[in-house]
């Protein structure tokens, strides 16, 4: 029972840990009540249920990092195999609902490449009113308008990273349009910004 010895633990980073599951998070939630910062980025076996449990049992949590791999870029699936991603689908809105309901004291939240929608973002913004930092980089399912609407009531928000990523033109099969290649070469751009 290692978590019994960690009752004073305040910062925990277990990012990129494929063996960390919801069962592991139960032990962390019950054994680390003083947790202030948690990084569970790229841990695909952790569900929204763990987020709810951590929120209930770790009332001092101020920083949560729940970043995911760029699911829009197949070249990154070499790092995390597609079969693994498919076996552990992430529901961004369920994560957002758990964060909003059980972690209203958050100051810093990172959700890079989450699949949350405008509805999920609204659930976070309605309850996490003290947010100072919000990273939504790569969240393709929310628009600038969604972000503006959801964050308008976050008076303490100092820094927000909006979805600003690139999709290679090859994804759009633009090879048949030679003028795009000429444009890219002339102006040294190879991205399409959303």
N, C-alpha and C. Protein backbone atom coordinates (compact mmCIF):
# COMPACT_ATOMS: atom_id res chain seq x y z
N UNK A 1 0.84 -1.19 0.00
CA UNK A 1 0.00 0.00 0.00
C UNK A 1 0.88 1.25 0.00
N UNK A 2 1.50 1.51 -1.13
CA UNK A 2 2.43 2.64 -1.25
C UNK A 2 1.74 3.97 -1.05
N UNK A 3 0.46 4.05 -1.40
CA UNK A 3 -0.21 5.34 -1.34
C UNK A 3 -0.44 5.81 0.09
N UNK A 4 -0.43 4.90 1.04
CA UNK A 4 -0.58 5.28 2.45
C UNK A 4 0.62 6.13 2.87
N UNK A 5 1.80 5.82 2.31
CA UNK A 5 3.00 6.58 2.65
C UNK A 5 3.07 7.90 1.89
N UNK A 6 2.14 8.17 1.02
CA UNK A 6 2.18 9.38 0.18
C UNK A 6 1.10 10.38 0.56
N UNK A 7 0.69 10.37 1.79
CA UNK A 7 -0.42 11.24 2.18
C UNK A 7 -0.06 12.72 2.10
N UNK A 8 1.24 13.05 2.06
CA UNK A 8 1.67 14.45 1.94
C UNK A 8 2.06 14.83 0.52
N UNK A 9 1.92 13.90 -0.43
CA UNK A 9 2.30 14.17 -1.82
C UNK A 9 1.47 15.31 -2.39
N UNK A 10 2.14 16.29 -3.01
CA UNK A 10 1.44 17.45 -3.56
C UNK A 10 1.53 17.55 -5.08
N UNK A 11 2.59 16.99 -5.69
CA UNK A 11 2.78 17.07 -7.14
C UNK A 11 3.03 15.66 -7.65
N UNK A 12 2.26 15.24 -8.66
CA UNK A 12 2.41 13.90 -9.24
C UNK A 12 2.32 14.00 -10.75
N UNK A 13 3.35 13.50 -11.42
CA UNK A 13 3.36 13.43 -12.87
C UNK A 13 3.52 11.97 -13.27
N UNK A 14 2.50 11.43 -13.90
CA UNK A 14 2.56 10.04 -14.38
C UNK A 14 2.23 10.00 -15.87
N UNK A 15 2.59 11.07 -16.57
CA UNK A 15 2.28 11.16 -17.99
C UNK A 15 2.97 10.05 -18.77
N UNK A 16 2.32 9.66 -19.86
CA UNK A 16 2.83 8.62 -20.75
C UNK A 16 3.02 7.29 -20.03
N UNK A 17 2.13 6.97 -19.13
CA UNK A 17 2.20 5.71 -18.39
C UNK A 17 1.07 4.80 -18.83
N UNK A 18 1.35 3.86 -19.75
CA UNK A 18 0.28 3.02 -20.28
C UNK A 18 -0.31 2.06 -19.26
N UNK A 19 0.39 1.81 -18.15
CA UNK A 19 -0.11 0.86 -17.16
C UNK A 19 -0.94 1.53 -16.06
N UNK A 20 -1.05 2.84 -16.10
CA UNK A 20 -1.88 3.54 -15.12
C UNK A 20 -3.33 3.46 -15.59
N UNK A 21 -4.17 2.91 -14.71
CA UNK A 21 -5.57 2.68 -15.05
C UNK A 21 -6.48 3.37 -14.03
N UNK A 22 -7.77 3.19 -14.21
CA UNK A 22 -8.72 3.72 -13.24
C UNK A 22 -8.48 3.12 -11.85
N UNK A 23 -8.08 1.84 -11.79
CA UNK A 23 -7.79 1.22 -10.50
C UNK A 23 -6.62 1.92 -9.80
N UNK A 24 -5.60 2.27 -10.57
CA UNK A 24 -4.46 3.00 -10.01
C UNK A 24 -4.91 4.34 -9.46
N UNK A 25 -5.79 4.99 -10.19
CA UNK A 25 -6.25 6.33 -9.78
C UNK A 25 -7.09 6.28 -8.51
N UNK A 26 -7.77 5.16 -8.26
CA UNK A 26 -8.51 5.00 -7.00
C UNK A 26 -7.54 5.08 -5.84
N UNK A 27 -6.41 4.36 -5.97
CA UNK A 27 -5.41 4.37 -4.91
C UNK A 27 -4.82 5.77 -4.72
N UNK A 28 -4.55 6.45 -5.82
CA UNK A 28 -3.99 7.81 -5.73
C UNK A 28 -4.99 8.76 -5.09
N UNK A 29 -6.24 8.68 -5.52
CA UNK A 29 -7.27 9.56 -4.98
C UNK A 29 -7.46 9.40 -3.49
N UNK A 30 -7.50 8.16 -3.03
CA UNK A 30 -7.70 7.90 -1.60
C UNK A 30 -6.43 8.15 -0.78
N UNK A 31 -5.26 7.98 -1.40
CA UNK A 31 -4.01 8.07 -0.64
C UNK A 31 -3.29 9.39 -0.70
N UNK A 32 -3.72 10.29 -1.58
CA UNK A 32 -2.99 11.56 -1.76
C UNK A 32 -3.93 12.76 -1.65
N UNK A 33 -4.55 12.98 -0.50
CA UNK A 33 -5.54 14.05 -0.37
C UNK A 33 -4.97 15.46 -0.50
N UNK A 34 -3.63 15.62 -0.36
CA UNK A 34 -3.03 16.95 -0.44
C UNK A 34 -2.53 17.29 -1.84
N UNK A 35 -2.88 16.46 -2.81
CA UNK A 35 -2.42 16.66 -4.18
C UNK A 35 -2.85 18.03 -4.69
N UNK A 36 -1.87 18.81 -5.20
CA UNK A 36 -2.14 20.13 -5.77
C UNK A 36 -2.00 20.14 -7.28
N UNK A 37 -1.12 19.27 -7.79
CA UNK A 37 -0.84 19.24 -9.23
C UNK A 37 -0.78 17.80 -9.71
N UNK A 38 -1.50 17.52 -10.81
CA UNK A 38 -1.55 16.18 -11.37
C UNK A 38 -1.40 16.24 -12.88
N UNK A 39 -0.43 15.47 -13.39
CA UNK A 39 -0.24 15.37 -14.84
C UNK A 39 -0.51 13.93 -15.25
N UNK A 40 -1.63 13.72 -15.92
CA UNK A 40 -2.00 12.39 -16.43
C UNK A 40 -2.09 12.42 -17.96
N UNK A 41 -1.25 13.24 -18.56
CA UNK A 41 -1.24 13.35 -20.01
C UNK A 41 -0.83 12.03 -20.65
N UNK A 42 -1.47 11.71 -21.75
CA UNK A 42 -1.17 10.51 -22.55
C UNK A 42 -1.40 9.21 -21.80
N UNK A 43 -2.21 9.23 -20.78
CA UNK A 43 -2.60 8.02 -20.06
C UNK A 43 -4.01 7.66 -20.53
N UNK A 44 -4.09 6.76 -21.49
CA UNK A 44 -5.36 6.48 -22.15
C UNK A 44 -6.25 5.50 -21.41
N UNK A 45 -5.75 4.88 -20.35
CA UNK A 45 -6.56 3.93 -19.58
C UNK A 45 -7.29 4.62 -18.43
N UNK A 46 -7.15 5.94 -18.34
CA UNK A 46 -7.80 6.71 -17.29
C UNK A 46 -9.06 7.35 -17.88
N UNK A 47 -10.18 7.11 -17.23
CA UNK A 47 -11.46 7.62 -17.73
C UNK A 47 -11.94 8.81 -16.90
N UNK A 48 -13.09 9.33 -17.30
CA UNK A 48 -13.71 10.44 -16.59
C UNK A 48 -14.07 10.06 -15.15
N UNK A 49 -14.27 8.76 -14.89
CA UNK A 49 -14.59 8.31 -13.54
C UNK A 49 -13.43 8.60 -12.59
N UNK A 50 -12.21 8.43 -13.08
CA UNK A 50 -11.04 8.74 -12.26
C UNK A 50 -10.94 10.24 -11.99
N UNK A 51 -11.27 11.04 -13.00
CA UNK A 51 -11.24 12.49 -12.81
C UNK A 51 -12.23 12.90 -11.72
N UNK A 52 -13.42 12.29 -11.73
CA UNK A 52 -14.42 12.59 -10.70
C UNK A 52 -13.90 12.19 -9.33
N UNK A 53 -13.29 11.01 -9.23
CA UNK A 53 -12.78 10.52 -7.95
C UNK A 53 -11.68 11.42 -7.42
N UNK A 54 -10.74 11.80 -8.29
CA UNK A 54 -9.65 12.71 -7.88
C UNK A 54 -10.24 14.04 -7.42
N UNK A 55 -11.21 14.56 -8.14
CA UNK A 55 -11.84 15.82 -7.76
C UNK A 55 -12.51 15.75 -6.40
N UNK A 56 -13.16 14.64 -6.12
CA UNK A 56 -13.84 14.47 -4.83
C UNK A 56 -12.86 14.33 -3.67
N UNK A 57 -11.75 13.60 -3.88
CA UNK A 57 -10.85 13.26 -2.78
C UNK A 57 -9.62 14.16 -2.66
N UNK A 58 -9.39 15.01 -3.66
CA UNK A 58 -8.22 15.90 -3.63
C UNK A 58 -8.68 17.35 -3.76
N UNK A 59 -9.24 17.90 -2.69
CA UNK A 59 -9.82 19.24 -2.77
C UNK A 59 -8.81 20.37 -3.00
N UNK A 60 -7.51 20.09 -2.83
CA UNK A 60 -6.48 21.11 -3.03
C UNK A 60 -5.96 21.16 -4.45
N UNK A 61 -6.48 20.31 -5.34
CA UNK A 61 -5.97 20.24 -6.71
C UNK A 61 -6.19 21.57 -7.44
N UNK A 62 -5.10 22.16 -7.90
CA UNK A 62 -5.15 23.44 -8.61
C UNK A 62 -4.71 23.32 -10.06
N UNK A 63 -3.89 22.30 -10.36
CA UNK A 63 -3.34 22.14 -11.71
C UNK A 63 -3.65 20.73 -12.21
N UNK A 64 -4.30 20.65 -13.37
CA UNK A 64 -4.57 19.36 -14.01
C UNK A 64 -4.09 19.42 -15.45
N UNK A 65 -3.27 18.44 -15.82
CA UNK A 65 -2.80 18.31 -17.20
C UNK A 65 -3.32 17.00 -17.73
N UNK A 66 -4.25 17.10 -18.68
CA UNK A 66 -4.92 15.93 -19.27
C UNK A 66 -4.77 16.02 -20.79
N UNK A 67 -3.53 16.09 -21.26
CA UNK A 67 -3.26 16.24 -22.69
C UNK A 67 -3.26 14.88 -23.38
N UNK A 68 -3.65 14.89 -24.64
CA UNK A 68 -3.69 13.66 -25.44
C UNK A 68 -2.83 13.83 -26.68
N UNK A 69 -2.56 12.71 -27.34
CA UNK A 69 -1.80 12.75 -28.59
C UNK A 69 -2.62 13.43 -29.67
N UNK A 70 -1.94 13.95 -30.66
CA UNK A 70 -2.59 14.59 -31.80
C UNK A 70 -3.29 13.50 -32.62
N UNK A 71 -4.57 13.31 -32.40
CA UNK A 71 -5.32 12.27 -33.09
C UNK A 71 -5.60 12.63 -34.55
N UNK A 72 -5.33 13.86 -34.94
CA UNK A 72 -5.52 14.28 -36.32
C UNK A 72 -4.34 13.92 -37.21
N UNK A 73 -3.20 13.64 -36.60
CA UNK A 73 -1.96 13.38 -37.35
C UNK A 73 -1.59 11.91 -37.23
N UNK A 74 -1.84 11.11 -38.28
CA UNK A 74 -1.55 9.67 -38.23
C UNK A 74 -0.07 9.36 -37.98
N UNK A 75 0.83 10.27 -38.28
CA UNK A 75 2.25 10.00 -38.05
C UNK A 75 2.56 9.87 -36.56
N UNK A 76 1.75 10.46 -35.70
CA UNK A 76 1.97 10.33 -34.26
C UNK A 76 1.44 9.02 -33.71
N UNK A 77 0.65 8.30 -34.52
CA UNK A 77 0.11 7.04 -34.06
C UNK A 77 1.17 5.96 -33.99
N UNK A 78 2.37 6.26 -34.49
CA UNK A 78 3.48 5.33 -34.35
C UNK A 78 3.87 5.27 -32.87
N UNK A 79 3.79 6.40 -32.20
CA UNK A 79 4.11 6.48 -30.78
C UNK A 79 3.05 5.75 -29.96
N UNK A 80 1.81 6.01 -30.27
CA UNK A 80 0.70 5.32 -29.61
C UNK A 80 -0.08 4.59 -30.71
N UNK A 81 0.02 3.26 -30.75
CA UNK A 81 -0.62 2.51 -31.83
C UNK A 81 -2.12 2.76 -31.92
N UNK A 82 -2.62 2.79 -33.13
CA UNK A 82 -4.04 3.04 -33.38
C UNK A 82 -4.92 2.04 -32.63
N UNK A 83 -4.48 0.79 -32.56
CA UNK A 83 -5.27 -0.24 -31.86
C UNK A 83 -5.48 0.14 -30.39
N UNK A 84 -4.43 0.68 -29.79
CA UNK A 84 -4.52 1.10 -28.38
C UNK A 84 -5.46 2.27 -28.24
N UNK A 85 -5.34 3.25 -29.14
CA UNK A 85 -6.23 4.41 -29.09
C UNK A 85 -7.68 4.00 -29.27
N UNK A 86 -7.92 3.06 -30.18
CA UNK A 86 -9.29 2.60 -30.43
C UNK A 86 -9.85 1.80 -29.26
N UNK A 87 -8.98 1.07 -28.57
CA UNK A 87 -9.42 0.26 -27.43
C UNK A 87 -9.75 1.14 -26.22
N UNK A 88 -9.17 2.32 -26.17
CA UNK A 88 -9.38 3.23 -25.04
C UNK A 88 -9.88 4.58 -25.55
N UNK A 89 -11.09 4.60 -26.11
CA UNK A 89 -11.57 5.87 -26.66
C UNK A 89 -11.77 6.92 -25.57
N UNK A 90 -11.46 8.14 -25.90
CA UNK A 90 -11.60 9.23 -24.95
C UNK A 90 -12.87 10.02 -25.28
N UNK A 91 -13.63 10.31 -24.27
CA UNK A 91 -14.83 11.11 -24.43
C UNK A 91 -14.57 12.46 -23.77
N UNK A 92 -14.21 13.42 -24.60
CA UNK A 92 -13.85 14.74 -24.09
C UNK A 92 -14.93 15.40 -23.28
N UNK A 93 -16.19 15.23 -23.66
CA UNK A 93 -17.27 15.88 -22.92
C UNK A 93 -17.50 15.22 -21.55
N UNK A 94 -17.30 13.91 -21.46
CA UNK A 94 -17.42 13.24 -20.15
C UNK A 94 -16.29 13.70 -19.23
N UNK A 95 -15.08 13.81 -19.78
CA UNK A 95 -13.96 14.34 -19.00
C UNK A 95 -14.29 15.76 -18.53
N UNK A 96 -14.79 16.58 -19.44
CA UNK A 96 -15.12 17.97 -19.12
C UNK A 96 -16.20 18.05 -18.04
N UNK A 97 -17.21 17.19 -18.12
CA UNK A 97 -18.28 17.19 -17.12
C UNK A 97 -17.71 16.85 -15.74
N UNK A 98 -16.81 15.86 -15.68
CA UNK A 98 -16.20 15.48 -14.40
C UNK A 98 -15.33 16.60 -13.86
N UNK A 99 -14.57 17.23 -14.73
CA UNK A 99 -13.71 18.34 -14.30
C UNK A 99 -14.57 19.49 -13.78
N UNK A 100 -15.59 19.87 -14.53
CA UNK A 100 -16.45 20.97 -14.11
C UNK A 100 -17.18 20.70 -12.80
N UNK A 101 -17.66 19.49 -12.64
CA UNK A 101 -18.45 19.17 -11.44
C UNK A 101 -17.59 18.96 -10.20
N UNK A 102 -16.43 18.31 -10.36
CA UNK A 102 -15.67 17.91 -9.19
C UNK A 102 -14.35 18.67 -8.97
N UNK A 103 -13.98 19.55 -9.90
CA UNK A 103 -12.73 20.30 -9.75
C UNK A 103 -12.93 21.80 -9.93
N UNK A 104 -13.90 22.39 -9.26
CA UNK A 104 -14.18 23.82 -9.48
C UNK A 104 -13.08 24.74 -8.98
N UNK A 105 -12.14 24.22 -8.22
CA UNK A 105 -11.06 25.04 -7.65
C UNK A 105 -9.84 25.14 -8.56
N UNK A 106 -9.87 24.53 -9.75
CA UNK A 106 -8.71 24.55 -10.65
C UNK A 106 -8.32 25.97 -11.06
N UNK A 107 -6.99 26.17 -11.15
CA UNK A 107 -6.44 27.43 -11.66
C UNK A 107 -5.79 27.23 -13.03
N UNK A 108 -5.31 26.03 -13.27
CA UNK A 108 -4.54 25.72 -14.48
C UNK A 108 -5.07 24.40 -15.05
N UNK A 109 -5.51 24.43 -16.31
CA UNK A 109 -6.08 23.24 -16.95
C UNK A 109 -5.53 23.10 -18.36
N UNK A 110 -4.96 21.93 -18.65
CA UNK A 110 -4.47 21.63 -19.99
C UNK A 110 -5.25 20.46 -20.55
N UNK A 111 -5.85 20.66 -21.73
CA UNK A 111 -6.64 19.63 -22.41
C UNK A 111 -6.24 19.53 -23.88
N UNK A 112 -4.97 19.53 -24.18
CA UNK A 112 -4.51 19.50 -25.57
C UNK A 112 -5.02 18.28 -26.30
N UNK A 113 -5.57 18.52 -27.47
CA UNK A 113 -6.10 17.49 -28.37
C UNK A 113 -7.22 16.67 -27.75
N UNK A 114 -7.93 17.26 -26.83
CA UNK A 114 -9.13 16.62 -26.29
C UNK A 114 -10.21 16.66 -27.36
N UNK A 115 -11.12 15.72 -27.29
CA UNK A 115 -12.22 15.71 -28.24
C UNK A 115 -13.46 16.39 -27.66
N UNK A 116 -13.25 17.27 -26.69
CA UNK A 116 -14.40 17.95 -26.11
C UNK A 116 -15.05 18.88 -27.13
N UNK A 117 -16.33 19.10 -26.94
CA UNK A 117 -17.10 19.98 -27.82
C UNK A 117 -17.42 21.27 -27.08
N UNK A 118 -18.18 22.12 -27.72
CA UNK A 118 -18.60 23.38 -27.10
C UNK A 118 -19.37 23.11 -25.80
N UNK A 119 -20.15 22.04 -25.80
CA UNK A 119 -20.92 21.67 -24.60
C UNK A 119 -19.98 21.35 -23.44
N UNK A 120 -18.94 20.56 -23.71
CA UNK A 120 -17.98 20.21 -22.66
C UNK A 120 -17.23 21.42 -22.14
N UNK A 121 -16.82 22.28 -23.06
CA UNK A 121 -16.11 23.49 -22.67
C UNK A 121 -17.00 24.38 -21.80
N UNK A 122 -18.27 24.45 -22.13
CA UNK A 122 -19.21 25.25 -21.33
C UNK A 122 -19.34 24.67 -19.92
N UNK A 123 -19.35 23.34 -19.80
CA UNK A 123 -19.45 22.71 -18.47
C UNK A 123 -18.26 23.08 -17.59
N UNK A 124 -17.08 23.15 -18.19
CA UNK A 124 -15.89 23.55 -17.44
C UNK A 124 -15.98 25.02 -17.06
N UNK A 125 -16.31 25.87 -18.01
CA UNK A 125 -16.33 27.31 -17.78
C UNK A 125 -17.40 27.75 -16.79
N UNK A 126 -18.49 27.01 -16.71
CA UNK A 126 -19.57 27.37 -15.78
C UNK A 126 -19.20 27.08 -14.33
N UNK A 127 -18.31 26.12 -14.11
CA UNK A 127 -17.99 25.70 -12.74
C UNK A 127 -16.59 26.06 -12.28
N UNK A 128 -15.63 26.08 -13.19
CA UNK A 128 -14.23 26.37 -12.83
C UNK A 128 -13.96 27.86 -13.00
N UNK A 129 -14.58 28.66 -12.18
CA UNK A 129 -14.58 30.10 -12.35
C UNK A 129 -13.25 30.77 -12.00
N UNK A 130 -12.35 30.04 -11.34
CA UNK A 130 -11.07 30.62 -10.95
C UNK A 130 -9.96 30.34 -11.94
N UNK A 131 -10.27 29.71 -13.06
CA UNK A 131 -9.23 29.36 -14.03
C UNK A 131 -8.44 30.59 -14.45
N UNK A 132 -7.11 30.43 -14.41
CA UNK A 132 -6.21 31.49 -14.87
C UNK A 132 -5.52 31.09 -16.18
N UNK A 133 -5.38 29.78 -16.39
CA UNK A 133 -4.68 29.26 -17.57
C UNK A 133 -5.50 28.11 -18.15
N UNK A 134 -5.75 28.16 -19.46
CA UNK A 134 -6.51 27.12 -20.13
C UNK A 134 -5.86 26.82 -21.47
N UNK A 135 -5.44 25.57 -21.66
CA UNK A 135 -4.78 25.16 -22.90
C UNK A 135 -5.70 24.23 -23.67
N UNK A 136 -6.20 24.72 -24.79
CA UNK A 136 -7.09 23.95 -25.67
C UNK A 136 -6.42 23.68 -27.02
N UNK A 137 -5.10 23.71 -27.06
CA UNK A 137 -4.37 23.49 -28.31
C UNK A 137 -4.81 22.18 -28.93
N UNK A 138 -5.14 22.22 -30.21
CA UNK A 138 -5.49 21.01 -30.94
C UNK A 138 -6.90 20.50 -30.71
N UNK A 139 -7.72 21.20 -29.95
CA UNK A 139 -9.11 20.77 -29.73
C UNK A 139 -9.94 21.16 -30.95
N UNK A 140 -10.01 20.26 -31.90
CA UNK A 140 -10.60 20.55 -33.20
C UNK A 140 -12.12 20.70 -33.18
N UNK A 141 -12.77 20.28 -32.10
CA UNK A 141 -14.23 20.31 -32.06
C UNK A 141 -14.80 21.57 -31.44
N UNK A 142 -13.92 22.53 -31.10
CA UNK A 142 -14.41 23.81 -30.59
C UNK A 142 -13.92 24.93 -31.51
N UNK A 143 -14.77 25.89 -31.72
CA UNK A 143 -14.44 27.02 -32.58
C UNK A 143 -14.04 28.22 -31.74
N UNK A 144 -13.53 29.23 -32.40
CA UNK A 144 -13.18 30.47 -31.69
C UNK A 144 -14.42 31.07 -31.02
N UNK A 145 -15.54 30.97 -31.69
CA UNK A 145 -16.79 31.49 -31.11
C UNK A 145 -17.18 30.69 -29.86
N UNK A 146 -17.06 29.36 -29.93
CA UNK A 146 -17.35 28.53 -28.76
C UNK A 146 -16.49 28.94 -27.58
N UNK A 147 -15.21 29.16 -27.85
CA UNK A 147 -14.27 29.53 -26.79
C UNK A 147 -14.62 30.90 -26.21
N UNK A 148 -14.90 31.85 -27.08
CA UNK A 148 -15.26 33.21 -26.62
C UNK A 148 -16.51 33.17 -25.77
N UNK A 149 -17.52 32.43 -26.20
CA UNK A 149 -18.77 32.33 -25.44
C UNK A 149 -18.55 31.66 -24.09
N UNK A 150 -17.81 30.55 -24.09
CA UNK A 150 -17.63 29.78 -22.86
C UNK A 150 -16.76 30.50 -21.85
N UNK A 151 -15.74 31.20 -22.31
CA UNK A 151 -14.79 31.81 -21.38
C UNK A 151 -15.13 33.25 -21.00
N UNK A 152 -16.21 33.77 -21.50
CA UNK A 152 -16.56 35.17 -21.23
C UNK A 152 -16.78 35.45 -19.74
N UNK A 153 -17.17 34.43 -18.97
CA UNK A 153 -17.41 34.63 -17.54
C UNK A 153 -16.20 34.28 -16.67
N UNK A 154 -15.08 33.91 -17.29
CA UNK A 154 -13.87 33.57 -16.53
C UNK A 154 -13.05 34.84 -16.31
N UNK A 155 -13.34 35.54 -15.27
CA UNK A 155 -12.74 36.85 -14.99
C UNK A 155 -11.26 36.77 -14.65
N UNK A 156 -10.78 35.62 -14.16
CA UNK A 156 -9.38 35.49 -13.76
C UNK A 156 -8.51 34.91 -14.87
N UNK A 157 -9.09 34.60 -16.00
CA UNK A 157 -8.35 33.96 -17.08
C UNK A 157 -7.30 34.91 -17.64
N UNK A 158 -6.04 34.53 -17.48
CA UNK A 158 -4.92 35.35 -17.94
C UNK A 158 -4.39 34.85 -19.27
N UNK A 159 -4.32 33.52 -19.42
CA UNK A 159 -3.71 32.94 -20.60
C UNK A 159 -4.57 31.80 -21.13
N UNK A 160 -4.94 31.88 -22.39
CA UNK A 160 -5.68 30.81 -23.03
C UNK A 160 -4.98 30.45 -24.34
N UNK A 161 -4.73 29.17 -24.51
CA UNK A 161 -4.14 28.67 -25.76
C UNK A 161 -5.26 28.05 -26.56
N UNK A 162 -5.55 28.67 -27.68
CA UNK A 162 -6.65 28.22 -28.53
C UNK A 162 -6.18 27.17 -29.52
N UNK A 163 -7.13 26.42 -30.08
CA UNK A 163 -6.76 25.42 -31.09
C UNK A 163 -6.10 26.09 -32.28
N UNK A 164 -4.82 25.94 -32.38
CA UNK A 164 -4.07 26.52 -33.49
C UNK A 164 -3.08 25.46 -33.94
N UNK A 165 -3.51 24.63 -34.82
CA UNK A 165 -2.68 23.53 -35.27
C UNK A 165 -2.72 23.49 -36.79
N UNK A 166 -1.90 22.65 -37.35
CA UNK A 166 -1.88 22.58 -38.80
C UNK A 166 -2.22 21.18 -39.27
N UNK A 167 -2.80 21.14 -40.41
CA UNK A 167 -3.12 19.89 -41.08
C UNK A 167 -2.39 19.93 -42.40
N UNK A 168 -1.47 18.99 -42.65
CA UNK A 168 -0.75 19.01 -43.92
C UNK A 168 -1.72 19.00 -45.09
N UNK A 169 -1.40 19.75 -46.11
CA UNK A 169 -2.29 19.82 -47.27
C UNK A 169 -2.51 18.46 -47.91
N UNK A 170 -1.57 17.54 -47.72
CA UNK A 170 -1.73 16.22 -48.30
C UNK A 170 -2.98 15.52 -47.76
N UNK A 171 -3.39 15.90 -46.54
CA UNK A 171 -4.61 15.33 -45.98
C UNK A 171 -5.81 15.69 -46.84
N UNK A 172 -5.76 16.85 -47.47
CA UNK A 172 -6.87 17.30 -48.29
C UNK A 172 -6.71 16.92 -49.76
N UNK A 173 -5.70 16.10 -50.07
CA UNK A 173 -5.46 15.63 -51.44
C UNK A 173 -5.37 16.78 -52.43
N UNK A 174 -4.55 17.77 -52.09
CA UNK A 174 -4.43 18.94 -52.96
C UNK A 174 -3.36 18.78 -54.03
N UNK A 175 -2.77 17.58 -54.13
CA UNK A 175 -1.73 17.37 -55.12
C UNK A 175 -2.22 17.64 -56.54
N UNK A 176 -3.47 17.40 -56.79
CA UNK A 176 -3.97 17.62 -58.15
C UNK A 176 -4.08 19.10 -58.49
N UNK A 177 -3.97 19.95 -57.45
CA UNK A 177 -4.01 21.38 -57.69
C UNK A 177 -2.58 21.92 -57.56
N UNK A 178 -1.88 21.99 -58.65
CA UNK A 178 -0.48 22.38 -58.65
C UNK A 178 -0.24 23.77 -58.10
N UNK A 179 -1.24 24.66 -58.18
CA UNK A 179 -1.01 26.02 -57.70
C UNK A 179 -0.77 26.07 -56.20
N UNK A 180 -1.32 25.11 -55.42
CA UNK A 180 -1.05 25.10 -53.98
C UNK A 180 0.42 24.82 -53.72
N UNK A 181 1.00 23.87 -54.48
CA UNK A 181 2.41 23.56 -54.29
C UNK A 181 3.26 24.77 -54.64
N UNK A 182 2.92 25.45 -55.72
CA UNK A 182 3.65 26.65 -56.11
C UNK A 182 3.52 27.72 -55.04
N UNK A 183 2.31 27.90 -54.50
CA UNK A 183 2.09 28.87 -53.43
C UNK A 183 2.94 28.53 -52.21
N UNK A 184 2.94 27.24 -51.82
CA UNK A 184 3.73 26.80 -50.67
C UNK A 184 5.20 27.10 -50.85
N UNK A 185 5.72 26.81 -52.05
CA UNK A 185 7.14 27.03 -52.30
C UNK A 185 7.48 28.52 -52.31
N UNK A 186 6.60 29.31 -52.90
CA UNK A 186 6.86 30.73 -53.03
C UNK A 186 6.80 31.45 -51.68
N UNK A 187 5.82 31.09 -50.86
CA UNK A 187 5.62 31.80 -49.59
C UNK A 187 6.05 30.97 -48.38
N UNK A 188 6.69 29.84 -48.63
CA UNK A 188 7.21 28.97 -47.59
C UNK A 188 6.17 28.66 -46.52
N UNK A 189 5.04 28.26 -46.96
CA UNK A 189 4.01 27.84 -46.01
C UNK A 189 3.60 26.42 -46.35
N UNK A 190 3.45 25.62 -45.37
CA UNK A 190 3.01 24.25 -45.59
C UNK A 190 1.89 23.87 -44.64
N UNK A 191 1.18 24.88 -44.18
CA UNK A 191 0.13 24.58 -43.22
C UNK A 191 -1.17 25.26 -43.62
N UNK A 192 -2.21 24.67 -43.14
CA UNK A 192 -3.55 25.23 -43.27
C UNK A 192 -4.03 25.51 -41.86
N UNK A 193 -4.24 26.75 -41.52
CA UNK A 193 -4.60 27.10 -40.15
C UNK A 193 -6.12 27.12 -40.00
N UNK A 194 -6.55 26.58 -38.89
CA UNK A 194 -7.98 26.55 -38.60
C UNK A 194 -8.27 27.54 -37.51
